[in-house]
Amino acid sequence: MSTSSSTHISEPSPPASQDAVIQLEGVRLSLPGNSGDVDILNGIDLAISARQTVAVLGPSGAGKTSLLMVMAGLEQISGGSISLSGKPITHMDEDMLAQLRRDEVGIVFQAFRLIPSMTALQNVAVPLELARVPDALVIAQTALEQLGLGHRLDHLPEQLSGGEQQRVAIARAIAPSPRILLADEPTGNLDSATGEIVITELFAAAETVGAALVLVTHDEQLALRCSRIIRIEDGAVISDQQQR
């Protein structure tokens, strides 16, 4: 994927703010390919504020998931800088990054990524226990109950429906009360009715813990539920609209 010569006119991103919990400046990502490096992200500038709900839209291969991965510190950028919760992560080592993600960032993937040998309660409690949070199981149970899964605490992932598994994944993401919640096509493996339930609960969960929500999606109607819509093509922001 190379840098596009698109004629789209980008709307200016909101200015950097001390309230920003995610700050990207000139972020570039290139990955090795058979014919040389492939440009994935091309100079992304973004500032996302606390409690903001942001949809990231774009065609397949536009760089949406890569953008989310660099925001989470799960992909090392090739240039520019990133800060999460006011902390520069560009040159942060893996141990510090893991601790920052554990404490500040909740991530919901399209694939649920639950531990198959653990119950719903245990899956949600894992990040809390790793952080040595007192009463980890109590907090995990509360998160599951908030998502309507109080009756599924002792069930293994294979005993849960797809929608229930994704709700467990959301509970795991929000249980530590993160400042940032990142979701990559969270309804991609669900039917439309179940997906609607999950999305409604995802927005409610983000509001409950006061997290900024960044949602990668291809669904225009879902994007309209967010307060801000960012569109990217060929790894570049082509529009950035405040909805309300």
C-alpha atoms as a PDB file:
ATOM      1  CA  MET A   1       0.000   0.000   0.000  1.00  0.00           C
ATOM      2  CA  SER A   2       1.547   3.302  -1.023  1.00  0.00           C
ATOM      3  CA  THR A   3       0.690   6.863  -0.199  1.00  0.00           C
ATOM      4  CA  SER A   4      -2.441   7.902  -2.039  1.00  0.00           C
ATOM      5  CA  SER A   5      -2.747  10.956  -4.243  1.00  0.00           C
ATOM      6  CA  SER A   6      -6.373  11.271  -3.199  1.00  0.00           C
ATOM      7  CA  THR A   7      -8.088  14.571  -3.896  1.00  0.00           C
ATOM      8  CA  HIS A   8     -10.101  14.424  -0.700  1.00  0.00           C
ATOM      9  CA  ILE A   9      -9.746  17.524   1.428  1.00  0.00           C
ATOM     10  CA  SER A  10      -9.099  16.710   5.060  1.00  0.00           C
ATOM     11  CA  GLU A  11     -10.900  18.639   7.700  1.00  0.00           C
ATOM     12  CA  PRO A  12      -8.552  19.852  10.425  1.00  0.00           C
ATOM     13  CA  SER A  13      -8.208  17.594  13.434  1.00  0.00           C
ATOM     14  CA  PRO A  14      -9.098  19.117  16.787  1.00  0.00           C
ATOM     15  CA  PRO A  15      -6.084  20.887  18.278  1.00  0.00           C
ATOM     16  CA  ALA A  16      -3.928  19.108  20.818  1.00  0.00           C
ATOM     17  CA  SER A  17      -5.322  19.447  24.288  1.00  0.00           C
ATOM     18  CA  GLN A  18      -4.178  18.805  27.802  1.00  0.00           C
ATOM     19  CA  ASP A  19      -7.368  16.747  28.080  1.00  0.00           C
ATOM     20  CA  ALA A  20      -6.246  14.370  25.319  1.00  0.00           C
ATOM     21  CA  VAL A  21      -5.902  10.781  26.475  1.00  0.00           C
ATOM     22  CA  ILE A  22      -4.606   9.704  23.047  1.00  0.00           C
ATOM     23  CA  GLN A  23      -2.197  11.938  21.123  1.00  0.00           C
ATOM     24  CA  LEU A  24      -0.635  11.008  17.768  1.00  0.00           C
ATOM     25  CA  GLU A  25       1.780  13.360  16.012  1.00  0.00           C
ATOM     26  CA  GLY A  26       3.120  12.573  12.544  1.00  0.00           C
ATOM     27  CA  VAL A  27       2.692   8.831  13.099  1.00  0.00           C
ATOM     28  CA  ARG A  28       4.033   6.644  10.321  1.00  0.00           C
ATOM     29  CA  LEU A  29       4.061   2.860  10.047  1.00  0.00           C
ATOM     30  CA  SER A  30       5.923   0.918   7.387  1.00  0.00           C
ATOM     31  CA  LEU A  31       6.188  -2.847   7.244  1.00  0.00           C
ATOM     32  CA  PRO A  32       8.533  -4.968   5.130  1.00  0.00           C
ATOM     33  CA  GLY A  33       7.061  -6.466   1.953  1.00  0.00           C
ATOM     34  CA  ASN A  34       8.331  -8.628  -0.892  1.00  0.00           C
ATOM     35  CA  SER A  35       9.252  -5.560  -2.946  1.00  0.00           C
ATOM     36  CA  GLY A  36      10.397  -3.338  -0.113  1.00  0.00           C
ATOM     37  CA  ASP A  37       8.738  -1.484   2.709  1.00  0.00           C
ATOM     38  CA  VAL A  38       4.956  -1.006   2.532  1.00  0.00           C
ATOM     39  CA  ASP A  39       3.515   2.230   3.909  1.00  0.00           C
ATOM     40  CA  ILE A  40       0.594   1.473   6.242  1.00  0.00           C
ATOM     41  CA  LEU A  41       0.148   4.790   8.086  1.00  0.00           C
ATOM     42  CA  ASN A  42       1.268   8.075   6.575  1.00  0.00           C
ATOM     43  CA  GLY A  43       1.672  10.964   9.000  1.00  0.00           C
ATOM     44  CA  ILE A  44      -1.347  10.618  11.287  1.00  0.00           C
ATOM     45  CA  ASP A  45      -2.102  13.554  13.606  1.00  0.00           C
ATOM     46  CA  LEU A  46      -4.894  12.969  16.131  1.00  0.00           C
ATOM     47  CA  ALA A  47      -5.914  14.099  19.598  1.00  0.00           C
ATOM     48  CA  ILE A  48      -8.716  12.187  21.329  1.00  0.00           C
ATOM     49  CA  SER A  49     -10.188  13.551  24.531  1.00  0.00           C
ATOM     50  CA  ALA A  50     -11.440  11.804  27.631  1.00  0.00           C
ATOM     51  CA  ARG A  51     -14.956  10.347  27.320  1.00  0.00           C
ATOM     52  CA  GLN A  52     -15.071  11.005  23.573  1.00  0.00           C
ATOM     53  CA  THR A  53     -16.634   8.316  21.348  1.00  0.00           C
ATOM     54  CA  VAL A  54     -14.773   8.049  18.057  1.00  0.00           C
ATOM     55  CA  ALA A  55     -15.530   5.883  15.019  1.00  0.00           C
ATOM     56  CA  VAL A  56     -12.708   5.076  12.600  1.00  0.00           C
ATOM     57  CA  LEU A  57     -14.077   4.338   9.134  1.00  0.00           C
ATOM     58  CA  GLY A  58     -12.354   3.361   5.911  1.00  0.00           C
ATOM     59  CA  PRO A  59     -12.197   0.715   3.192  1.00  0.00           C
ATOM     60  CA  SER A  60     -10.507  -2.626   3.696  1.00  0.00           C
ATOM     61  CA  GLY A  61      -6.752  -2.130   3.821  1.00  0.00           C
ATOM     62  CA  ALA A  62      -7.018   1.566   4.710  1.00  0.00           C
ATOM     63  CA  GLY A  63      -5.042   1.100   7.931  1.00  0.00           C
ATOM     64  CA  LYS A  64      -7.901   1.162  10.477  1.00  0.00           C
ATOM     65  CA  THR A  65      -6.748  -1.802  12.536  1.00  0.00           C
ATOM     66  CA  SER A  66      -3.108  -0.727  12.263  1.00  0.00           C
ATOM     67  CA  LEU A  67      -4.097   2.661  13.655  1.00  0.00           C
ATOM     68  CA  LEU A  68      -5.743   0.960  16.618  1.00  0.00           C
ATOM     69  CA  MET A  69      -2.709  -1.274  17.142  1.00  0.00           C
ATOM     70  CA  VAL A  70      -0.286   1.647  17.324  1.00  0.00           C
ATOM     71  CA  MET A  71      -2.663   3.501  19.655  1.00  0.00           C
ATOM     72  CA  ALA A  72      -2.473   0.486  21.975  1.00  0.00           C
ATOM     73  CA  GLY A  73       1.304   0.248  21.702  1.00  0.00           C
ATOM     74  CA  LEU A  74       0.951  -3.199  20.150  1.00  0.00           C
ATOM     75  CA  GLU A  75       2.732  -2.144  16.950  1.00  0.00           C
ATOM     76  CA  GLN A  76       6.004  -0.202  16.909  1.00  0.00           C
ATOM     77  CA  ILE A  77       5.709   2.906  14.733  1.00  0.00           C
ATOM     78  CA  SER A  78       8.269   3.895  12.115  1.00  0.00           C
ATOM     79  CA  GLY A  79       8.097   7.623  12.813  1.00  0.00           C
ATOM     80  CA  GLY A  80       6.299  10.295  14.809  1.00  0.00           C
ATOM     81  CA  SER A  81       5.194  10.075  18.432  1.00  0.00           C
ATOM     82  CA  ILE A  82       2.311   8.727  20.521  1.00  0.00           C
ATOM     83  CA  SER A  83       1.171   9.542  24.053  1.00  0.00           C
ATOM     84  CA  LEU A  84      -1.435   7.681  26.094  1.00  0.00           C
ATOM     85  CA  SER A  85      -2.884   9.345  29.181  1.00  0.00           C
ATOM     86  CA  GLY A  86      -0.160  11.976  28.897  1.00  0.00           C
ATOM     87  CA  LYS A  87       2.635   9.383  28.869  1.00  0.00           C
ATOM     88  CA  PRO A  88       4.923   9.168  25.798  1.00  0.00           C
ATOM     89  CA  ILE A  89       4.991   5.543  24.632  1.00  0.00           C
ATOM     90  CA  THR A  90       7.059   5.824  21.448  1.00  0.00           C
ATOM     91  CA  HIS A  91      10.252   4.574  23.100  1.00  0.00           C
ATOM     92  CA  MET A  92       8.699   2.863  26.097  1.00  0.00           C
ATOM     93  CA  ASP A  93       9.973  -0.667  26.763  1.00  0.00           C
ATOM     94  CA  GLU A  94       7.659  -3.675  26.593  1.00  0.00           C
ATOM     95  CA  ASP A  95       7.324  -4.093  30.356  1.00  0.00           C
ATOM     96  CA  MET A  96       6.268  -0.476  30.839  1.00  0.00           C
ATOM     97  CA  LEU A  97       3.921  -0.678  27.847  1.00  0.00           C
ATOM     98  CA  ALA A  98       2.289  -3.797  29.232  1.00  0.00           C
ATOM     99  CA  GLN A  99       1.782  -2.092  32.593  1.00  0.00           C
ATOM    100  CA  LEU A 100       0.319   1.016  30.929  1.00  0.00           C
ATOM    101  CA  ARG A 101      -2.103  -1.091  28.878  1.00  0.00           C
ATOM    102  CA  ARG A 102      -3.071  -3.043  31.966  1.00  0.00           C
ATOM    103  CA  ASP A 103      -3.847   0.101  33.940  1.00  0.00           C
ATOM    104  CA  GLU A 104      -5.099   2.556  31.312  1.00  0.00           C
ATOM    105  CA  VAL A 105      -6.259   0.745  28.157  1.00  0.00           C
ATOM    106  CA  GLY A 106      -9.043  -1.764  27.567  1.00  0.00           C
ATOM    107  CA  ILE A 107      -9.044  -3.588  24.210  1.00  0.00           C
ATOM    108  CA  VAL A 108     -11.926  -5.481  22.582  1.00  0.00           C
ATOM    109  CA  PHE A 109     -11.024  -7.525  19.510  1.00  0.00           C
ATOM    110  CA  GLN A 110     -13.241  -9.009  16.804  1.00  0.00           C
ATOM    111  CA  ALA A 111     -11.991 -12.425  17.915  1.00  0.00           C
ATOM    112  CA  PHE A 112     -12.972 -12.685  21.562  1.00  0.00           C
ATOM    113  CA  ARG A 113      -9.558 -13.892  22.787  1.00  0.00           C
ATOM    114  CA  LEU A 114     -10.863 -15.509  25.939  1.00  0.00           C
ATOM    115  CA  ILE A 115      -8.791 -18.143  27.743  1.00  0.00           C
ATOM    116  CA  PRO A 116     -10.677 -21.380  26.964  1.00  0.00           C
ATOM    117  CA  SER A 117      -9.763 -23.168  30.197  1.00  0.00           C
ATOM    118  CA  MET A 118     -11.043 -20.329  32.405  1.00  0.00           C
ATOM    119  CA  THR A 119     -14.595 -19.430  33.381  1.00  0.00           C
ATOM    120  CA  ALA A 120     -16.144 -16.094  32.439  1.00  0.00           C
ATOM    121  CA  LEU A 121     -15.399 -14.794  35.944  1.00  0.00           C
ATOM    122  CA  GLN A 122     -11.791 -15.943  35.813  1.00  0.00           C
ATOM    123  CA  ASN A 123     -11.266 -14.430  32.344  1.00  0.00           C
ATOM    124  CA  VAL A 124     -12.446 -11.042  33.543  1.00  0.00           C
ATOM    125  CA  ALA A 125     -10.431 -11.233  36.756  1.00  0.00           C
ATOM    126  CA  VAL A 126      -7.106 -12.023  35.037  1.00  0.00           C
ATOM    127  CA  PRO A 127      -5.939  -8.428  34.350  1.00  0.00           C
ATOM    128  CA  LEU A 128      -7.070  -7.359  37.812  1.00  0.00           C
ATOM    129  CA  GLU A 129      -5.168 -10.161  39.493  1.00  0.00           C
ATOM    130  CA  LEU A 130      -2.056  -9.394  37.436  1.00  0.00           C
ATOM    131  CA  ALA A 131      -2.309  -5.820  38.693  1.00  0.00           C
ATOM    132  CA  ARG A 132      -2.737  -7.135  42.277  1.00  0.00           C
ATOM    133  CA  VAL A 133      -6.054  -5.337  42.590  1.00  0.00           C
ATOM    134  CA  PRO A 134      -7.781  -6.188  45.892  1.00  0.00           C
ATOM    135  CA  ASP A 135     -11.128  -7.982  45.497  1.00  0.00           C
ATOM    136  CA  ALA A 136     -10.401  -8.804  41.836  1.00  0.00           C
ATOM    137  CA  LEU A 137     -13.118 -11.458  41.707  1.00  0.00           C
ATOM    138  CA  VAL A 138     -15.706  -9.116  43.209  1.00  0.00           C
ATOM    139  CA  ILE A 139     -14.892  -6.402  40.666  1.00  0.00           C
ATOM    140  CA  ALA A 140     -14.966  -8.960  37.843  1.00  0.00           C
ATOM    141  CA  GLN A 141     -18.348 -10.247  38.975  1.00  0.00           C
ATOM    142  CA  THR A 142     -19.737  -6.707  39.105  1.00  0.00           C
ATOM    143  CA  ALA A 143     -18.535  -6.036  35.537  1.00  0.00           C
ATOM    144  CA  LEU A 144     -20.171  -9.217  34.277  1.00  0.00           C
ATOM    145  CA  GLU A 145     -23.401  -8.451  36.101  1.00  0.00           C
ATOM    146  CA  GLN A 146     -23.472  -4.983  34.517  1.00  0.00           C
ATOM    147  CA  LEU A 147     -23.371  -6.719  31.132  1.00  0.00           C
ATOM    148  CA  GLY A 148     -26.186  -9.095  32.037  1.00  0.00           C
ATOM    149  CA  LEU A 149     -23.972 -12.127  32.612  1.00  0.00           C
ATOM    150  CA  GLY A 150     -24.422 -12.657  36.316  1.00  0.00           C
ATOM    151  CA  HIS A 151     -25.868 -16.095  35.550  1.00  0.00           C
ATOM    152  CA  ARG A 152     -22.849 -17.101  33.430  1.00  0.00           C
ATOM    153  CA  LEU A 153     -20.020 -16.532  35.895  1.00  0.00           C
ATOM    154  CA  ASP A 154     -18.929 -20.179  36.073  1.00  0.00           C
ATOM    155  CA  HIS A 155     -19.351 -21.011  32.386  1.00  0.00           C
ATOM    156  CA  LEU A 156     -16.382 -21.717  30.117  1.00  0.00           C
ATOM    157  CA  PRO A 157     -16.159 -19.830  26.792  1.00  0.00           C
ATOM    158  CA  GLU A 158     -17.276 -22.912  24.835  1.00  0.00           C
ATOM    159  CA  GLN A 159     -20.483 -22.932  26.881  1.00  0.00           C
ATOM    160  CA  LEU A 160     -21.311 -19.346  25.900  1.00  0.00           C
ATOM    161  CA  SER A 161     -22.845 -17.935  22.725  1.00  0.00           C
ATOM    162  CA  GLY A 162     -20.810 -15.608  20.520  1.00  0.00           C
ATOM    163  CA  GLY A 163     -22.611 -12.585  21.912  1.00  0.00           C
ATOM    164  CA  GLU A 164     -22.000 -13.725  25.480  1.00  0.00           C
ATOM    165  CA  GLN A 165     -18.306 -14.302  24.764  1.00  0.00           C
ATOM    166  CA  GLN A 166     -17.958 -10.795  23.371  1.00  0.00           C
ATOM    167  CA  ARG A 167     -19.727  -9.384  26.419  1.00  0.00           C
ATOM    168  CA  VAL A 168     -17.239 -11.253  28.620  1.00  0.00           C
ATOM    169  CA  ALA A 169     -14.456  -9.662  26.553  1.00  0.00           C
ATOM    170  CA  ILE A 170     -16.018  -6.220  27.120  1.00  0.00           C
ATOM    171  CA  ALA A 171     -16.323  -6.907  30.845  1.00  0.00           C
ATOM    172  CA  ARG A 172     -12.643  -7.881  30.929  1.00  0.00           C
ATOM    173  CA  ALA A 173     -11.731  -4.649  29.131  1.00  0.00           C
ATOM    174  CA  ILE A 174     -13.735  -2.354  31.411  1.00  0.00           C
ATOM    175  CA  ALA A 175     -13.211  -4.067  34.787  1.00  0.00           C
ATOM    176  CA  PRO A 176      -9.945  -2.155  35.488  1.00  0.00           C
ATOM    177  CA  SER A 177     -11.801   1.155  34.759  1.00  0.00           C
ATOM    178  CA  PRO A 178      -9.488   2.171  31.888  1.00  0.00           C
ATOM    179  CA  ARG A 179      -9.252   5.724  30.585  1.00  0.00           C
ATOM    180  CA  ILE A 180      -9.106   4.385  27.011  1.00  0.00           C
ATOM    181  CA  LEU A 181     -11.254   1.705  25.391  1.00  0.00           C
ATOM    182  CA  LEU A 182     -10.251   0.440  21.935  1.00  0.00           C
ATOM    183  CA  ALA A 183     -12.556  -1.835  19.921  1.00  0.00           C
ATOM    184  CA  ASP A 184     -11.705  -3.446  16.577  1.00  0.00           C
ATOM    185  CA  GLU A 185     -14.847  -4.518  14.686  1.00  0.00           C
ATOM    186  CA  PRO A 186     -16.332  -5.890  17.931  1.00  0.00           C
ATOM    187  CA  THR A 187     -19.486  -7.182  16.201  1.00  0.00           C
ATOM    188  CA  GLY A 188     -17.714  -8.670  13.182  1.00  0.00           C
ATOM    189  CA  ASN A 189     -18.367 -12.255  14.302  1.00  0.00           C
ATOM    190  CA  LEU A 190     -21.946 -11.663  15.465  1.00  0.00           C
ATOM    191  CA  ASP A 191     -25.359 -11.607  13.802  1.00  0.00           C
ATOM    192  CA  SER A 192     -27.018  -8.201  13.497  1.00  0.00           C
ATOM    193  CA  ALA A 193     -29.421  -8.596  16.419  1.00  0.00           C
ATOM    194  CA  THR A 194     -26.716  -9.812  18.799  1.00  0.00           C
ATOM    195  CA  GLY A 195     -24.336  -7.173  17.476  1.00  0.00           C
ATOM    196  CA  GLU A 196     -26.827  -4.426  18.320  1.00  0.00           C
ATOM    197  CA  ILE A 197     -27.064  -5.661  21.911  1.00  0.00           C
ATOM    198  CA  VAL A 198     -23.280  -5.864  22.241  1.00  0.00           C
ATOM    199  CA  ILE A 199     -22.707  -2.389  20.793  1.00  0.00           C
ATOM    200  CA  THR A 200     -25.317  -0.828  23.068  1.00  0.00           C
ATOM    201  CA  GLU A 201     -23.617  -2.440  26.056  1.00  0.00           C
ATOM    202  CA  LEU A 202     -20.165  -1.360  24.821  1.00  0.00           C
ATOM    203  CA  PHE A 203     -21.215   2.297  24.675  1.00  0.00           C
ATOM    204  CA  ALA A 204     -22.885   2.035  28.085  1.00  0.00           C
ATOM    205  CA  ALA A 205     -19.807   0.371  29.582  1.00  0.00           C
ATOM    206  CA  ALA A 206     -17.500   3.078  28.220  1.00  0.00           C
ATOM    207  CA  GLU A 207     -19.746   5.754  29.693  1.00  0.00           C
ATOM    208  CA  THR A 208     -19.903   3.971  33.049  1.00  0.00           C
ATOM    209  CA  VAL A 209     -16.118   3.909  33.481  1.00  0.00           C
ATOM    210  CA  GLY A 210     -15.634   7.321  31.819  1.00  0.00           C
ATOM    211  CA  ALA A 211     -13.386   5.986  29.063  1.00  0.00           C
ATOM    212  CA  ALA A 212     -12.679   7.441  25.663  1.00  0.00           C
ATOM    213  CA  LEU A 213     -13.971   4.899  23.120  1.00  0.00           C
ATOM    214  CA  VAL A 214     -12.252   4.407  19.756  1.00  0.00           C
ATOM    215  CA  LEU A 215     -14.238   2.056  17.552  1.00  0.00           C
ATOM    216  CA  VAL A 216     -12.952   0.646  14.265  1.00  0.00           C
ATOM    217  CA  THR A 217     -15.889  -0.252  12.045  1.00  0.00           C
ATOM    218  CA  HIS A 218     -17.098  -0.459   8.450  1.00  0.00           C
ATOM    219  CA  ASP A 219     -20.685   0.231   9.534  1.00  0.00           C
ATOM    220  CA  GLU A 220     -21.781   3.789   8.697  1.00  0.00           C
ATOM    221  CA  GLN A 221     -24.878   3.586  10.902  1.00  0.00           C
ATOM    222  CA  LEU A 222     -22.819   2.453  13.870  1.00  0.00           C
ATOM    223  CA  ALA A 223     -20.364   5.295  13.265  1.00  0.00           C
ATOM    224  CA  LEU A 224     -23.216   7.791  13.498  1.00  0.00           C
ATOM    225  CA  ARG A 225     -23.711   6.778  17.126  1.00  0.00           C
ATOM    226  CA  CYS A 226     -20.286   8.214  17.955  1.00  0.00           C
ATOM    227  CA  SER A 227     -19.569  11.851  18.766  1.00  0.00           C
ATOM    228  CA  ARG A 228     -16.775  11.963  16.184  1.00  0.00           C
ATOM    229  CA  ILE A 229     -16.086  10.172  12.889  1.00  0.00           C
ATOM    230  CA  ILE A 230     -12.574   9.830  11.463  1.00  0.00           C
ATOM    231  CA  ARG A 231     -12.195   8.479   7.930  1.00  0.00           C
ATOM    232  CA  ILE A 232      -8.915   7.122   6.653  1.00  0.00           C
ATOM    233  CA  GLU A 233      -7.742   5.985   3.233  1.00  0.00           C
ATOM    234  CA  ASP A 234      -4.311   4.680   2.277  1.00  0.00           C
ATOM    235  CA  GLY A 235      -3.114   5.256   5.825  1.00  0.00           C
ATOM    236  CA  ALA A 236      -4.018   8.942   5.954  1.00  0.00           C
ATOM    237  CA  VAL A 237      -6.861  10.854   7.625  1.00  0.00           C
ATOM    238  CA  ILE A 238      -9.132  12.246   4.900  1.00  0.00           C
ATOM    239  CA  SER A 239     -11.844  13.679   7.172  1.00  0.00           C
ATOM    240  CA  ASP A 240     -12.410  14.281  10.858  1.00  0.00           C
ATOM    241  CA  GLN A 241     -15.938  15.298  11.806  1.00  0.00           C
ATOM    242  CA  GLN A 242     -17.444  16.203  15.149  1.00  0.00           C
ATOM    243  CA  GLN A 243     -21.014  14.881  15.306  1.00  0.00           C
ATOM    244  CA  ARG A 244     -22.058  16.662  18.487  1.00  0.00           C
END
